[in-house]
Amino acid sequence: MLILISGPYRGGTNDDPVLIRKNLDNLEAVALPLFRKGHIPLIGEWVALPLIHLAGSQKTGDEIWDEIQYPVAHGLLEKCDAVLRIAGASKGADQDVRIALEKGIKVYYSLEEVPYAR
């Protein structure tokens, strides 16, 4: 399965770059275990952040950031087979889960719930 890893990125950071990096590290920490279960992990920021940079965003949450960040995640949901929602407060991740459930996309709430593909 192509699985979108969703959880806090900006949430709880007050836009502190060190805390944002820690949140991204937490998202990325489950990518390799998902891959080793036979799935393709995907994190929205892996796609959105280069686009945000190329578009000239000056800071997290500016107009360019808002134009790209969440639309990328929502577009990726159209292609994903499942969502893995990792722990932590996040309006964006909660929105990903809501959209996934509305579309009938499976949502997992822990790595242990995700079955092996092989």
C-alpha atoms as a PDB file:
ATOM      1  CA  MET A   1       0.000   0.000   0.000  1.00  0.00           C
ATOM      2  CA  LEU A   2       0.954   3.620  -0.460  1.00  0.00           C
ATOM      3  CA  ILE A   3       0.544   4.983   3.076  1.00  0.00           C
ATOM      4  CA  LEU A   4       0.429   8.663   3.996  1.00  0.00           C
ATOM      5  CA  ILE A   5       2.071   9.258   7.366  1.00  0.00           C
ATOM      6  CA  SER A   6       0.135  12.024   9.066  1.00  0.00           C
ATOM      7  CA  GLY A   7       0.827  13.762  12.361  1.00  0.00           C
ATOM      8  CA  PRO A   8       2.099  16.978  13.880  1.00  0.00           C
ATOM      9  CA  TYR A   9       4.404  19.063  11.709  1.00  0.00           C
ATOM     10  CA  ARG A  10       3.757  22.632  12.742  1.00  0.00           C
ATOM     11  CA  GLY A  11       1.463  21.856  15.655  1.00  0.00           C
ATOM     12  CA  GLY A  12       2.743  22.708  19.103  1.00  0.00           C
ATOM     13  CA  THR A  13       5.858  24.441  17.783  1.00  0.00           C
ATOM     14  CA  ASN A  14       4.921  28.132  17.694  1.00  0.00           C
ATOM     15  CA  ASP A  15       6.783  27.902  14.348  1.00  0.00           C
ATOM     16  CA  ASP A  16      10.110  27.220  16.104  1.00  0.00           C
ATOM     17  CA  PRO A  17      12.281  25.591  13.393  1.00  0.00           C
ATOM     18  CA  VAL A  18      13.945  23.245  15.903  1.00  0.00           C
ATOM     19  CA  LEU A  19      10.577  21.931  17.102  1.00  0.00           C
ATOM     20  CA  ILE A  20       9.266  21.674  13.544  1.00  0.00           C
ATOM     21  CA  ARG A  21      12.339  19.594  12.639  1.00  0.00           C
ATOM     22  CA  LYS A  22      11.651  17.354  15.644  1.00  0.00           C
ATOM     23  CA  ASN A  23       8.083  16.832  14.447  1.00  0.00           C
ATOM     24  CA  LEU A  24       9.322  15.944  10.959  1.00  0.00           C
ATOM     25  CA  ASP A  25      11.804  13.527  12.519  1.00  0.00           C
ATOM     26  CA  ASN A  26       8.891  11.878  14.352  1.00  0.00           C
ATOM     27  CA  LEU A  27       6.965  11.514  11.088  1.00  0.00           C
ATOM     28  CA  GLU A  28      10.016  10.103   9.327  1.00  0.00           C
ATOM     29  CA  ALA A  29      10.759   7.665  12.160  1.00  0.00           C
ATOM     30  CA  VAL A  30       7.930   5.392  10.991  1.00  0.00           C
ATOM     31  CA  ALA A  31       8.773   5.550   7.276  1.00  0.00           C
ATOM     32  CA  LEU A  32      11.428   2.819   7.273  1.00  0.00           C
ATOM     33  CA  PRO A  33       9.402   0.444   9.472  1.00  0.00           C
ATOM     34  CA  LEU A  34       6.451   0.913   7.086  1.00  0.00           C
ATOM     35  CA  PHE A  35       8.708   0.152   4.145  1.00  0.00           C
ATOM     36  CA  ARG A  36      10.004  -2.947   5.898  1.00  0.00           C
ATOM     37  CA  LYS A  37       6.405  -4.092   6.279  1.00  0.00           C
ATOM     38  CA  GLY A  38       6.202  -4.007   2.488  1.00  0.00           C
ATOM     39  CA  HIS A  39       4.539  -0.633   1.955  1.00  0.00           C
ATOM     40  CA  ILE A  40       5.560   2.670   0.359  1.00  0.00           C
ATOM     41  CA  PRO A  41       5.607   5.431   2.987  1.00  0.00           C
ATOM     42  CA  LEU A  42       4.801   9.001   2.041  1.00  0.00           C
ATOM     43  CA  ILE A  43       4.918  12.197   4.068  1.00  0.00           C
ATOM     44  CA  GLY A  44       3.193  15.265   2.661  1.00  0.00           C
ATOM     45  CA  GLU A  45       6.096  17.508   3.634  1.00  0.00           C
ATOM     46  CA  TRP A  46       8.423  15.464   1.431  1.00  0.00           C
ATOM     47  CA  VAL A  47       6.436  16.781  -1.528  1.00  0.00           C
ATOM     48  CA  ALA A  48       5.237  20.137  -0.217  1.00  0.00           C
ATOM     49  CA  LEU A  49       8.445  21.576   1.274  1.00  0.00           C
ATOM     50  CA  PRO A  50      10.477  21.637  -1.972  1.00  0.00           C
ATOM     51  CA  LEU A  51       7.531  23.248  -3.765  1.00  0.00           C
ATOM     52  CA  ILE A  52       7.130  25.804  -0.973  1.00  0.00           C
ATOM     53  CA  HIS A  53      10.822  26.644  -1.210  1.00  0.00           C
ATOM     54  CA  LEU A  54      10.729  26.925  -5.013  1.00  0.00           C
ATOM     55  CA  ALA A  55       7.666  29.179  -4.824  1.00  0.00           C
ATOM     56  CA  GLY A  56       9.607  31.633  -2.667  1.00  0.00           C
ATOM     57  CA  SER A  57       8.061  31.178   0.751  1.00  0.00           C
ATOM     58  CA  GLN A  58       9.836  33.314   3.319  1.00  0.00           C
ATOM     59  CA  LYS A  59       8.549  31.652   6.486  1.00  0.00           C
ATOM     60  CA  THR A  60       6.366  28.840   7.736  1.00  0.00           C
ATOM     61  CA  GLY A  61       2.725  29.842   7.516  1.00  0.00           C
ATOM     62  CA  ASP A  62       3.096  32.641   4.999  1.00  0.00           C
ATOM     63  CA  GLU A  63       0.725  32.959   2.049  1.00  0.00           C
ATOM     64  CA  ILE A  64       2.831  30.737  -0.224  1.00  0.00           C
ATOM     65  CA  TRP A  65       3.144  28.098   2.494  1.00  0.00           C
ATOM     66  CA  ASP A  66      -0.629  28.053   2.983  1.00  0.00           C
ATOM     67  CA  GLU A  67      -1.202  27.878  -0.775  1.00  0.00           C
ATOM     68  CA  ILE A  68       0.831  24.664  -1.062  1.00  0.00           C
ATOM     69  CA  GLN A  69       1.091  22.764   2.241  1.00  0.00           C
ATOM     70  CA  TYR A  70      -2.407  21.404   2.841  1.00  0.00           C
ATOM     71  CA  PRO A  71      -3.482  21.136  -0.814  1.00  0.00           C
ATOM     72  CA  VAL A  72      -0.495  18.836  -1.396  1.00  0.00           C
ATOM     73  CA  ALA A  73      -1.522  16.593   1.510  1.00  0.00           C
ATOM     74  CA  HIS A  74      -5.107  16.487   0.303  1.00  0.00           C
ATOM     75  CA  GLY A  75      -3.997  15.695  -3.239  1.00  0.00           C
ATOM     76  CA  LEU A  76      -1.816  12.872  -1.972  1.00  0.00           C
ATOM     77  CA  LEU A  77      -4.787  11.402  -0.140  1.00  0.00           C
ATOM     78  CA  GLU A  78      -6.412  10.862  -3.545  1.00  0.00           C
ATOM     79  CA  LYS A  79      -3.566   8.479  -4.423  1.00  0.00           C
ATOM     80  CA  CYS A  80      -2.984   6.748  -1.072  1.00  0.00           C
ATOM     81  CA  ASP A  81      -4.353   3.400   0.026  1.00  0.00           C
ATOM     82  CA  ALA A  82      -4.157   4.221   3.732  1.00  0.00           C
ATOM     83  CA  VAL A  83      -3.179   6.804   6.325  1.00  0.00           C
ATOM     84  CA  LEU A  84      -1.037   6.197   9.380  1.00  0.00           C
ATOM     85  CA  ARG A  85      -1.968   8.844  11.962  1.00  0.00           C
ATOM     86  CA  ILE A  86       0.840   9.174  14.479  1.00  0.00           C
ATOM     87  CA  ALA A  87       0.251  10.621  17.940  1.00  0.00           C
ATOM     88  CA  GLY A  88       0.173  14.316  18.720  1.00  0.00           C
ATOM     89  CA  ALA A  89      -2.124  17.285  18.377  1.00  0.00           C
ATOM     90  CA  SER A  90      -2.439  18.385  14.754  1.00  0.00           C
ATOM     91  CA  LYS A  91      -5.377  20.071  13.043  1.00  0.00           C
ATOM     92  CA  GLY A  92      -3.903  19.219   9.645  1.00  0.00           C
ATOM     93  CA  ALA A  93      -3.478  15.530  10.497  1.00  0.00           C
ATOM     94  CA  ASP A  94      -6.974  15.425  11.970  1.00  0.00           C
ATOM     95  CA  GLN A  95      -8.247  16.889   8.706  1.00  0.00           C
ATOM     96  CA  ASP A  96      -6.314  14.235   6.754  1.00  0.00           C
ATOM     97  CA  VAL A  97      -8.015  11.527   8.832  1.00  0.00           C
ATOM     98  CA  ARG A  98     -11.448  13.074   8.349  1.00  0.00           C
ATOM     99  CA  ILE A  99     -10.972  13.276   4.574  1.00  0.00           C
ATOM    100  CA  ALA A 100      -9.585   9.727   4.423  1.00  0.00           C
ATOM    101  CA  LEU A 101     -12.539   8.316   6.350  1.00  0.00           C
ATOM    102  CA  GLU A 102     -15.004  10.218   4.144  1.00  0.00           C
ATOM    103  CA  LYS A 103     -13.342   8.681   1.089  1.00  0.00           C
ATOM    104  CA  GLY A 104     -13.295   5.180   2.572  1.00  0.00           C
ATOM    105  CA  ILE A 105      -9.508   5.149   2.918  1.00  0.00           C
ATOM    106  CA  LYS A 106      -8.230   2.930   5.741  1.00  0.00           C
ATOM    107  CA  VAL A 107      -6.770   4.808   8.726  1.00  0.00           C
ATOM    108  CA  TYR A 108      -4.293   3.195  11.104  1.00  0.00           C
ATOM    109  CA  TYR A 109      -3.464   4.743  14.464  1.00  0.00           C
ATOM    110  CA  SER A 110      -0.291   2.794  15.233  1.00  0.00           C
ATOM    111  CA  LEU A 111       2.446   1.110  13.247  1.00  0.00           C
ATOM    112  CA  GLU A 112       1.479  -2.188  14.871  1.00  0.00           C
ATOM    113  CA  GLU A 113      -1.997  -2.006  13.260  1.00  0.00           C
ATOM    114  CA  VAL A 114      -0.512  -1.890   9.744  1.00  0.00           C
ATOM    115  CA  PRO A 115      -0.387  -5.408   8.278  1.00  0.00           C
ATOM    116  CA  TYR A 116       2.638  -6.847   6.522  1.00  0.00           C
ATOM    117  CA  ALA A 117       2.312  -6.853   2.739  1.00  0.00           C
ATOM    118  CA  ARG A 118       4.730  -9.692   2.189  1.00  0.00           C
END
